[in-house]
Amino acid sequence: MVNVIVILEIDPQKIDEFLAVMLENAAASRLEPGCLRFEVSRDATQSNLFALSESYVDQAALDFHNATPHVAIWREKGPSLVLKRWAAKGPVC
């Protein structure tokens, strides 16, 4: 299993646009073969801070995910929405 954790600080003026793109991405991702989880969480105290928690059965499933049209849309639109990004990827310990 491969887990991906991403923390995103979103431009406060672009939160609605971020949510539209990311929630569509998350819903489509959950339908992919090999995707076990794709959750979008929002910080309770800093409203423009979000966490993505993803799990895939293996690296091939993650590679498939990264080649999908919904990820391409995120890659196109994401840079204009994100102020800061932190990410970690690895196998389950």
Protein backbone atom coordinates (compact mmCIF):
# COMPACT_ATOMS: atom_id res chain seq x y z
CA MET A 1 0.00 0.00 0.00
CA VAL A 2 1.14 3.54 -0.78
CA ASN A 3 -0.08 6.53 1.21
CA VAL A 4 0.11 10.16 0.13
CA ILE A 5 -0.42 13.07 2.51
CA VAL A 6 -0.54 16.60 1.12
CA ILE A 7 -1.04 19.80 3.11
CA LEU A 8 -2.15 22.80 1.07
CA GLU A 9 -2.39 26.43 2.07
CA ILE A 10 -4.88 27.92 -0.38
CA ASP A 11 -5.17 31.56 -1.40
CA PRO A 12 -8.06 32.76 0.81
CA GLN A 13 -9.66 34.51 -2.18
CA LYS A 14 -9.68 31.23 -4.15
CA ILE A 15 -11.06 28.71 -1.64
CA ASP A 16 -14.34 28.21 -3.54
CA GLU A 17 -12.46 27.54 -6.77
CA PHE A 18 -10.12 25.15 -4.96
CA LEU A 19 -13.04 23.24 -3.43
CA ALA A 20 -14.80 22.91 -6.78
CA VAL A 21 -11.71 21.42 -8.44
CA MET A 22 -10.49 19.32 -5.52
CA LEU A 23 -13.82 17.80 -4.49
CA GLU A 24 -14.43 16.74 -8.11
CA ASN A 25 -10.90 15.29 -8.20
CA ALA A 26 -11.48 13.42 -4.93
CA ALA A 27 -14.82 11.96 -6.07
CA ALA A 28 -13.35 10.76 -9.38
CA SER A 29 -10.27 9.38 -7.62
CA ARG A 30 -12.38 7.25 -5.28
CA LEU A 31 -13.80 5.48 -8.35
CA GLU A 32 -10.38 4.45 -9.65
CA PRO A 33 -9.31 0.83 -9.40
CA GLY A 34 -6.69 0.62 -6.68
CA CYS A 35 -7.68 3.80 -4.83
CA LEU A 36 -8.54 2.87 -1.26
CA ARG A 37 -9.05 6.38 0.10
CA PHE A 38 -9.05 9.99 -1.02
CA GLU A 39 -10.13 12.40 1.71
CA VAL A 40 -10.14 16.19 1.76
CA SER A 41 -10.03 17.76 5.23
CA ARG A 42 -10.15 21.41 6.26
CA ASP A 43 -8.39 22.83 9.30
CA ALA A 44 -10.82 23.98 12.01
CA THR A 45 -8.80 27.08 12.93
CA GLN A 46 -7.16 28.14 9.66
CA SER A 47 -9.91 27.99 7.02
CA ASN A 48 -7.55 28.10 4.04
CA LEU A 49 -5.49 25.09 5.19
CA PHE A 50 -6.44 21.69 3.74
CA ALA A 51 -5.11 18.14 4.01
CA LEU A 52 -5.41 15.46 1.35
CA SER A 53 -5.08 11.87 2.53
CA GLU A 54 -4.80 9.26 -0.18
CA SER A 55 -4.16 5.50 -0.13
CA TYR A 56 -3.53 3.22 -3.09
CA VAL A 57 -3.08 -0.54 -3.21
CA ASP A 58 0.35 -0.16 -4.84
CA GLN A 59 2.59 2.15 -6.86
CA ALA A 60 0.90 1.08 -10.11
CA ALA A 61 -2.46 2.34 -8.77
CA LEU A 62 -0.86 5.65 -7.81
CA ASP A 63 0.75 5.90 -11.25
CA PHE A 64 -2.67 5.25 -12.83
CA HIS A 65 -4.18 7.98 -10.64
CA ASN A 66 -1.50 10.47 -11.66
CA ALA A 67 -2.29 9.86 -15.36
CA THR A 68 -6.05 10.54 -15.11
CA PRO A 69 -7.86 13.53 -16.65
CA HIS A 70 -9.05 14.78 -13.24
CA VAL A 71 -5.47 14.95 -11.96
CA ALA A 72 -4.49 16.79 -15.16
CA ILE A 73 -7.16 19.41 -14.38
CA TRP A 74 -5.79 19.76 -10.84
CA ARG A 75 -2.24 20.15 -12.18
CA GLU A 76 -3.43 22.87 -14.55
CA LYS A 77 -5.48 24.85 -12.03
CA GLY A 78 -3.75 24.03 -8.74
CA PRO A 79 -0.66 26.25 -9.01
CA SER A 80 -2.79 29.40 -9.19
CA LEU A 81 -4.73 28.37 -6.06
CA VAL A 82 -1.98 27.13 -3.74
CA LEU A 83 0.21 29.42 -1.65
CA LYS A 84 2.22 26.60 0.03
CA ARG A 85 2.39 22.83 -0.34
CA TRP A 86 3.85 20.09 1.83
CA ALA A 87 3.73 16.43 0.78
CA ALA A 88 4.84 13.01 1.92
CA LYS A 89 4.54 9.67 0.10
CA GLY A 90 5.51 6.22 1.23
CA PRO A 91 4.51 2.69 2.10
CA VAL A 92 2.55 1.83 5.22
CA CYS A 93 4.87 1.25 8.19
